[in-house]
C-alpha atoms as a PDB file:
ATOM      1  CA  MET A   1      -0.619   4.953  67.365  1.00  0.00           C
ATOM      2  CA  ASN A   2       2.734   5.677  65.690  1.00  0.00           C
ATOM      3  CA  ILE A   3       2.414   6.193  61.952  1.00  0.00           C
ATOM      4  CA  PRO A   4       5.296   4.967  59.735  1.00  0.00           C
ATOM      5  CA  GLU A   5       7.134   7.669  57.788  1.00  0.00           C
ATOM      6  CA  LYS A   6       6.085   6.259  54.409  1.00  0.00           C
ATOM      7  CA  VAL A   7       2.431   6.313  55.466  1.00  0.00           C
ATOM      8  CA  ILE A   8       2.736   9.932  56.633  1.00  0.00           C
ATOM      9  CA  ASN A   9       4.172  10.806  53.232  1.00  0.00           C
ATOM     10  CA  ARG A  10       1.307   9.137  51.388  1.00  0.00           C
ATOM     11  CA  LEU A  11      -1.343  10.685  53.654  1.00  0.00           C
ATOM     12  CA  SER A  12       0.061  14.123  52.864  1.00  0.00           C
ATOM     13  CA  LEU A  13      -0.249  13.294  49.162  1.00  0.00           C
ATOM     14  CA  TYR A  14      -3.875  12.246  49.691  1.00  0.00           C
ATOM     15  CA  HIS A  15      -4.451  15.627  51.319  1.00  0.00           C
ATOM     16  CA  PHE A  16      -3.028  17.353  48.211  1.00  0.00           C
ATOM     17  CA  ILE A  17      -5.536  15.431  46.102  1.00  0.00           C
ATOM     18  CA  PHE A  18      -8.477  16.433  48.296  1.00  0.00           C
ATOM     19  CA  ASP A  19      -7.382  20.078  48.183  1.00  0.00           C
ATOM     20  CA  ASN A  20      -7.619  20.040  44.399  1.00  0.00           C
ATOM     21  CA  LEU A  21     -10.978  18.314  44.091  1.00  0.00           C
ATOM     22  CA  SER A  22     -14.026  20.253  42.999  1.00  0.00           C
ATOM     23  CA  GLU A  23     -16.447  21.217  45.772  1.00  0.00           C
ATOM     24  CA  ASN A  24     -19.023  19.085  43.969  1.00  0.00           C
ATOM     25  CA  GLU A  25     -16.962  15.933  44.570  1.00  0.00           C
ATOM     26  CA  GLN A  26     -18.203  14.834  47.983  1.00  0.00           C
ATOM     27  CA  TYR A  27     -16.821  11.305  47.832  1.00  0.00           C
ATOM     28  CA  ILE A  28     -13.672   9.690  46.487  1.00  0.00           C
ATOM     29  CA  SER A  29     -12.799   6.021  46.132  1.00  0.00           C
ATOM     30  CA  SER A  30      -9.564   4.341  47.108  1.00  0.00           C
ATOM     31  CA  THR A  31      -9.297   3.274  43.461  1.00  0.00           C
ATOM     32  CA  LYS A  32      -9.285   6.872  42.236  1.00  0.00           C
ATOM     33  CA  ILE A  33      -6.697   7.927  44.832  1.00  0.00           C
ATOM     34  CA  ALA A  34      -4.536   4.960  43.846  1.00  0.00           C
ATOM     35  CA  GLN A  35      -4.786   5.759  40.147  1.00  0.00           C
ATOM     36  CA  LEU A  36      -3.751   9.386  40.700  1.00  0.00           C
ATOM     37  CA  LEU A  37      -0.655   8.292  42.645  1.00  0.00           C
ATOM     38  CA  ASN A  38       0.095   5.139  40.643  1.00  0.00           C
ATOM     39  CA  ILE A  39      -0.073   2.863  43.682  1.00  0.00           C
ATOM     40  CA  ASP A  40      -2.215  -0.115  44.659  1.00  0.00           C
ATOM     41  CA  ASP A  41      -5.679   0.679  46.011  1.00  0.00           C
ATOM     42  CA  SER A  42      -5.207  -1.844  48.824  1.00  0.00           C
ATOM     43  CA  GLN A  43      -2.320   0.321  50.043  1.00  0.00           C
ATOM     44  CA  VAL A  44      -4.627   3.348  50.129  1.00  0.00           C
ATOM     45  CA  ARG A  45      -7.145   1.453  52.249  1.00  0.00           C
ATOM     46  CA  LYS A  46      -4.397   0.309  54.646  1.00  0.00           C
ATOM     47  CA  ASP A  47      -3.173   3.885  55.027  1.00  0.00           C
ATOM     48  CA  ILE A  48      -6.653   5.242  55.715  1.00  0.00           C
ATOM     49  CA  LYS A  49      -7.113   2.703  58.529  1.00  0.00           C
ATOM     50  CA  TYR A  50      -4.651   4.804  60.537  1.00  0.00           C
ATOM     51  CA  LEU A  51      -7.268   7.573  60.469  1.00  0.00           C
ATOM     52  CA  ASP A  52     -10.086   5.512  61.965  1.00  0.00           C
ATOM     53  CA  ASN A  53     -12.156   6.563  58.987  1.00  0.00           C
ATOM     54  CA  SER A  54     -14.336   4.145  57.058  1.00  0.00           C
ATOM     55  CA  GLY A  55     -15.828   4.650  53.625  1.00  0.00           C
ATOM     56  CA  LYS A  56     -19.188   3.728  52.208  1.00  0.00           C
ATOM     57  CA  CYS A  57     -19.538   0.638  50.072  1.00  0.00           C
ATOM     58  CA  ARG A  58     -19.744   1.505  46.349  1.00  0.00           C
ATOM     59  CA  VAL A  59     -19.521   5.218  47.214  1.00  0.00           C
ATOM     60  CA  GLY A  60     -16.109   5.820  48.723  1.00  0.00           C
ATOM     61  CA  TYR A  61     -14.765   8.113  51.398  1.00  0.00           C
ATOM     62  CA  GLU A  62     -16.330  11.431  52.328  1.00  0.00           C
ATOM     63  CA  VAL A  63     -13.735  13.951  51.179  1.00  0.00           C
ATOM     64  CA  LYS A  64     -14.238  16.599  53.869  1.00  0.00           C
ATOM     65  CA  LYS A  65     -14.173  14.102  56.734  1.00  0.00           C
ATOM     66  CA  LEU A  66     -11.121  12.305  55.383  1.00  0.00           C
ATOM     67  CA  LYS A  67      -9.285  15.576  54.789  1.00  0.00           C
ATOM     68  CA  PHE A  68     -10.066  16.711  58.334  1.00  0.00           C
ATOM     69  CA  ALA A  69      -8.971  13.348  59.738  1.00  0.00           C
ATOM     70  CA  ILE A  70      -5.579  13.690  58.019  1.00  0.00           C
ATOM     71  CA  GLU A  71      -5.166  17.223  59.363  1.00  0.00           C
ATOM     72  CA  GLU A  72      -5.968  16.066  62.882  1.00  0.00           C
ATOM     73  CA  LYS A  73      -3.791  12.944  62.790  1.00  0.00           C
ATOM     74  CA  LEU A  74      -0.755  14.684  61.265  1.00  0.00           C
ATOM     75  CA  GLY A  75      -1.099  17.816  63.392  1.00  0.00           C
ATOM     76  CA  PHE A  76      -1.660  20.409  60.685  1.00  0.00           C
ATOM     77  CA  LYS A  77      -3.250  22.738  63.216  1.00  0.00           C
ATOM     78  CA  GLN A  78      -0.347  22.557  65.669  1.00  0.00           C
ATOM     79  CA  ASN A  79       1.558  25.622  64.508  1.00  0.00           C
ATOM     80  CA  ARG A  80       5.337  25.449  64.798  1.00  0.00           C
ATOM     81  CA  ASP A  81       7.733  28.328  64.186  1.00  0.00           C
ATOM     82  CA  ALA A  82      11.011  27.759  62.348  1.00  0.00           C
ATOM     83  CA  PHE A  83      14.081  29.446  60.896  1.00  0.00           C
ATOM     84  CA  ILE A  84      15.691  28.897  57.499  1.00  0.00           C
ATOM     85  CA  VAL A  85      19.472  28.775  57.685  1.00  0.00           C
ATOM     86  CA  GLY A  86      20.983  29.507  54.292  1.00  0.00           C
ATOM     87  CA  ALA A  87      19.551  32.276  52.109  1.00  0.00           C
ATOM     88  CA  GLY A  88      20.715  30.895  48.774  1.00  0.00           C
ATOM     89  CA  ASN A  89      18.519  29.690  45.935  1.00  0.00           C
ATOM     90  CA  LEU A  90      16.947  26.763  47.808  1.00  0.00           C
ATOM     91  CA  GLY A  91      16.482  28.644  51.079  1.00  0.00           C
ATOM     92  CA  SER A  92      14.912  31.559  49.235  1.00  0.00           C
ATOM     93  CA  ALA A  93      12.574  29.234  47.343  1.00  0.00           C
ATOM     94  CA  LEU A  94      11.413  27.611  50.584  1.00  0.00           C
ATOM     95  CA  ALA A  95      10.896  31.043  52.143  1.00  0.00           C
ATOM     96  CA  LYS A  96       8.588  31.906  49.254  1.00  0.00           C
ATOM     97  CA  TYR A  97       6.514  28.731  49.658  1.00  0.00           C
ATOM     98  CA  ASP A  98       3.511  30.199  51.466  1.00  0.00           C
ATOM     99  CA  SER A  99       1.684  26.866  51.632  1.00  0.00           C
ATOM    100  CA  PHE A 100       3.848  25.835  54.593  1.00  0.00           C
ATOM    101  CA  LYS A 101       1.410  27.794  56.748  1.00  0.00           C
ATOM    102  CA  ASP A 102      -1.426  25.493  55.684  1.00  0.00           C
ATOM    103  CA  TYR A 103       0.407  22.631  57.362  1.00  0.00           C
ATOM    104  CA  GLY A 104       1.331  24.403  60.574  1.00  0.00           C
ATOM    105  CA  LEU A 105       4.865  25.551  59.680  1.00  0.00           C
ATOM    106  CA  ASN A 106       5.547  29.259  60.134  1.00  0.00           C
ATOM    107  CA  ILE A 107       8.895  30.566  58.845  1.00  0.00           C
ATOM    108  CA  LEU A 108       9.834  33.529  61.029  1.00  0.00           C
ATOM    109  CA  ALA A 109      13.257  34.516  59.710  1.00  0.00           C
ATOM    110  CA  MET A 110      16.302  33.501  57.680  1.00  0.00           C
ATOM    111  CA  PHE A 111      19.998  33.405  58.497  1.00  0.00           C
ATOM    112  CA  ASP A 112      23.211  33.558  56.483  1.00  0.00           C
ATOM    113  CA  ASN A 113      26.846  34.585  56.840  1.00  0.00           C
ATOM    114  CA  ASP A 114      27.049  36.461  53.524  1.00  0.00           C
ATOM    115  CA  PRO A 115      27.188  40.224  54.243  1.00  0.00           C
ATOM    116  CA  LYS A 116      25.435  40.899  50.914  1.00  0.00           C
ATOM    117  CA  LYS A 117      22.385  38.884  52.005  1.00  0.00           C
ATOM    118  CA  ILE A 118      22.178  39.998  55.631  1.00  0.00           C
ATOM    119  CA  GLY A 119      19.497  42.649  56.051  1.00  0.00           C
ATOM    120  CA  THR A 120      17.634  41.735  52.866  1.00  0.00           C
ATOM    121  CA  ILE A 121      13.976  40.724  52.910  1.00  0.00           C
ATOM    122  CA  ILE A 122      12.732  37.564  51.183  1.00  0.00           C
ATOM    123  CA  ASN A 123       8.961  37.181  51.060  1.00  0.00           C
ATOM    124  CA  GLY A 124       8.598  39.260  54.203  1.00  0.00           C
ATOM    125  CA  LYS A 125      11.304  37.367  56.087  1.00  0.00           C
ATOM    126  CA  GLU A 126      14.453  39.230  57.099  1.00  0.00           C
ATOM    127  CA  VAL A 127      17.863  37.627  56.641  1.00  0.00           C
ATOM    128  CA  PHE A 128      19.923  37.911  59.844  1.00  0.00           C
ATOM    129  CA  ASP A 129      23.565  37.179  60.560  1.00  0.00           C
ATOM    130  CA  LEU A 130      23.972  33.536  61.576  1.00  0.00           C
ATOM    131  CA  THR A 131      25.357  34.631  64.941  1.00  0.00           C
ATOM    132  CA  LYS A 132      21.896  35.977  65.831  1.00  0.00           C
ATOM    133  CA  VAL A 133      20.305  32.497  65.840  1.00  0.00           C
ATOM    134  CA  SER A 134      20.839  31.798  69.542  1.00  0.00           C
ATOM    135  CA  ASN A 135      19.369  35.082  70.740  1.00  0.00           C
ATOM    136  CA  LEU A 136      16.341  34.985  68.457  1.00  0.00           C
ATOM    137  CA  ALA A 137      15.686  31.280  69.070  1.00  0.00           C
ATOM    138  CA  LEU A 138      15.573  31.911  72.804  1.00  0.00           C
ATOM    139  CA  ARG A 139      13.511  35.082  72.518  1.00  0.00           C
ATOM    140  CA  LEU A 140      10.983  33.662  70.049  1.00  0.00           C
ATOM    141  CA  GLY A 141      10.891  30.104  71.381  1.00  0.00           C
ATOM    142  CA  VAL A 142      12.024  28.552  68.104  1.00  0.00           C
ATOM    143  CA  ASP A 143      13.597  25.088  68.136  1.00  0.00           C
ATOM    144  CA  ILE A 144      13.273  24.119  64.452  1.00  0.00           C
ATOM    145  CA  ALA A 145      15.755  25.026  61.703  1.00  0.00           C
ATOM    146  CA  ILE A 146      15.589  24.260  57.989  1.00  0.00           C
ATOM    147  CA  LEU A 147      19.178  23.852  56.809  1.00  0.00           C
ATOM    148  CA  THR A 148      19.904  24.831  53.191  1.00  0.00           C
ATOM    149  CA  VAL A 149      23.548  25.901  53.287  1.00  0.00           C
ATOM    150  CA  PRO A 150      26.182  24.608  50.799  1.00  0.00           C
ATOM    151  CA  LYS A 151      27.587  21.148  51.570  1.00  0.00           C
ATOM    152  CA  GLU A 152      30.939  22.431  52.811  1.00  0.00           C
ATOM    153  CA  TYR A 153      29.235  24.499  55.531  1.00  0.00           C
ATOM    154  CA  ALA A 154      26.600  21.952  56.579  1.00  0.00           C
ATOM    155  CA  LYS A 155      28.401  20.286  59.492  1.00  0.00           C
ATOM    156  CA  SER A 156      29.674  23.500  61.059  1.00  0.00           C
ATOM    157  CA  ALA A 157      26.253  25.155  60.646  1.00  0.00           C
ATOM    158  CA  ALA A 158      24.509  22.158  62.241  1.00  0.00           C
ATOM    159  CA  ASN A 159      26.868  22.198  65.200  1.00  0.00           C
ATOM    160  CA  TYR A 160      26.307  25.913  65.626  1.00  0.00           C
ATOM    161  CA  LEU A 161      22.524  25.413  65.562  1.00  0.00           C
ATOM    162  CA  ALA A 162      22.740  22.641  68.154  1.00  0.00           C
ATOM    163  CA  GLY A 163      24.720  24.965  70.413  1.00  0.00           C
ATOM    164  CA  ALA A 164      22.166  27.704  69.837  1.00  0.00           C
ATOM    165  CA  GLY A 165      19.312  25.622  71.256  1.00  0.00           C
ATOM    166  CA  ILE A 166      17.848  24.222  68.041  1.00  0.00           C
ATOM    167  CA  LYS A 167      16.397  20.746  68.679  1.00  0.00           C
ATOM    168  CA  TYR A 168      15.069  19.818  65.227  1.00  0.00           C
ATOM    169  CA  ILE A 169      16.930  20.212  61.933  1.00  0.00           C
ATOM    170  CA  TRP A 170      15.245  19.650  58.581  1.00  0.00           C
ATOM    171  CA  ASN A 171      18.361  18.978  56.531  1.00  0.00           C
ATOM    172  CA  PHE A 172      18.263  19.813  52.820  1.00  0.00           C
ATOM    173  CA  THR A 173      22.034  19.555  52.404  1.00  0.00           C
ATOM    174  CA  PRO A 174      23.710  16.517  50.755  1.00  0.00           C
ATOM    175  CA  CYS A 175      25.529  15.800  53.990  1.00  0.00           C
ATOM    176  CA  ILE A 176      25.017  13.449  56.940  1.00  0.00           C
ATOM    177  CA  LEU A 177      25.113  15.537  60.102  1.00  0.00           C
ATOM    178  CA  ASP A 178      26.822  14.520  63.323  1.00  0.00           C
ATOM    179  CA  VAL A 179      24.896  16.321  66.060  1.00  0.00           C
ATOM    180  CA  PRO A 180      24.231  15.719  69.777  1.00  0.00           C
ATOM    181  CA  LYS A 181      21.719  12.975  70.587  1.00  0.00           C
ATOM    182  CA  ASP A 182      19.136  15.482  71.820  1.00  0.00           C
ATOM    183  CA  VAL A 183      18.982  17.096  68.361  1.00  0.00           C
ATOM    184  CA  LYS A 184      16.716  15.336  65.860  1.00  0.00           C
ATOM    185  CA  VAL A 185      17.600  15.468  62.157  1.00  0.00           C
ATOM    186  CA  TRP A 186      15.332  14.762  59.212  1.00  0.00           C
ATOM    187  CA  ASN A 187      17.302  14.359  55.979  1.00  0.00           C
ATOM    188  CA  GLU A 188      15.476  15.544  52.885  1.00  0.00           C
ATOM    189  CA  ASN A 189      17.286  13.439  50.283  1.00  0.00           C
ATOM    190  CA  LEU A 190      16.524  15.228  47.021  1.00  0.00           C
ATOM    191  CA  ILE A 191      19.136  13.291  45.048  1.00  0.00           C
ATOM    192  CA  GLY A 192      17.909   9.971  46.440  1.00  0.00           C
ATOM    193  CA  SER A 193      14.344  10.821  45.455  1.00  0.00           C
ATOM    194  CA  PHE A 194      15.453  11.728  41.941  1.00  0.00           C
ATOM    195  CA  LEU A 195      17.464   8.508  41.536  1.00  0.00           C
ATOM    196  CA  GLN A 196      14.587   6.438  42.898  1.00  0.00           C
ATOM    197  CA  PHE A 197      12.304   8.048  40.322  1.00  0.00           C
ATOM    198  CA  THR A 198      14.657   7.569  37.376  1.00  0.00           C
ATOM    199  CA  ASN A 199      15.394   3.951  38.312  1.00  0.00           C
ATOM    200  CA  ASN A 200      11.690   3.115  38.409  1.00  0.00           C
ATOM    201  CA  ASN A 201      10.623   5.088  35.358  1.00  0.00           C
ATOM    202  CA  GLU A 202      11.930   5.523  31.849  1.00  0.00           C
ATOM    203  CA  VAL A 203      13.016   9.144  31.381  1.00  0.00           C
END
């Protein structure tokens, strides 16, 4: 069963909630989940139906089982290796986010074209010259790149990655990429998320 992107996003948020619950909290209701995320509890129940997991009347959902069901359905245990392309502030911050490993994403290395950054180590990850992507991708079997370069370099970097054998690009740049059809792009629209938030909430 294909899960819509918005449902995947909410399920990952539910998983965050379960991670932060006390070990003494064995059950959680859809109402509590909804209140924590400021959404309707009927939406929570609809989302959980994708997990083939039913709760107990007047008790709620068993936290451990529901957490495991999310991990199984979203593939948390299917480890995937990736590169970060762009060792600036955002790229460095993502390289330092160790929780990626909990969700099956393993950052192996970083790449940049700034001579001052090449050869440095960020959270145990070496920064290589961008021209090394093709060789290392082939040798390590990596086909995922997280793109965090400045806007003016985004299109050329994406084209270079496509030519280097990268098949999936997680795009953090404010730029729409034009890549070959066999390369999949996921645009992480930080500005759009911010504007959506400010237009739905008084700041």
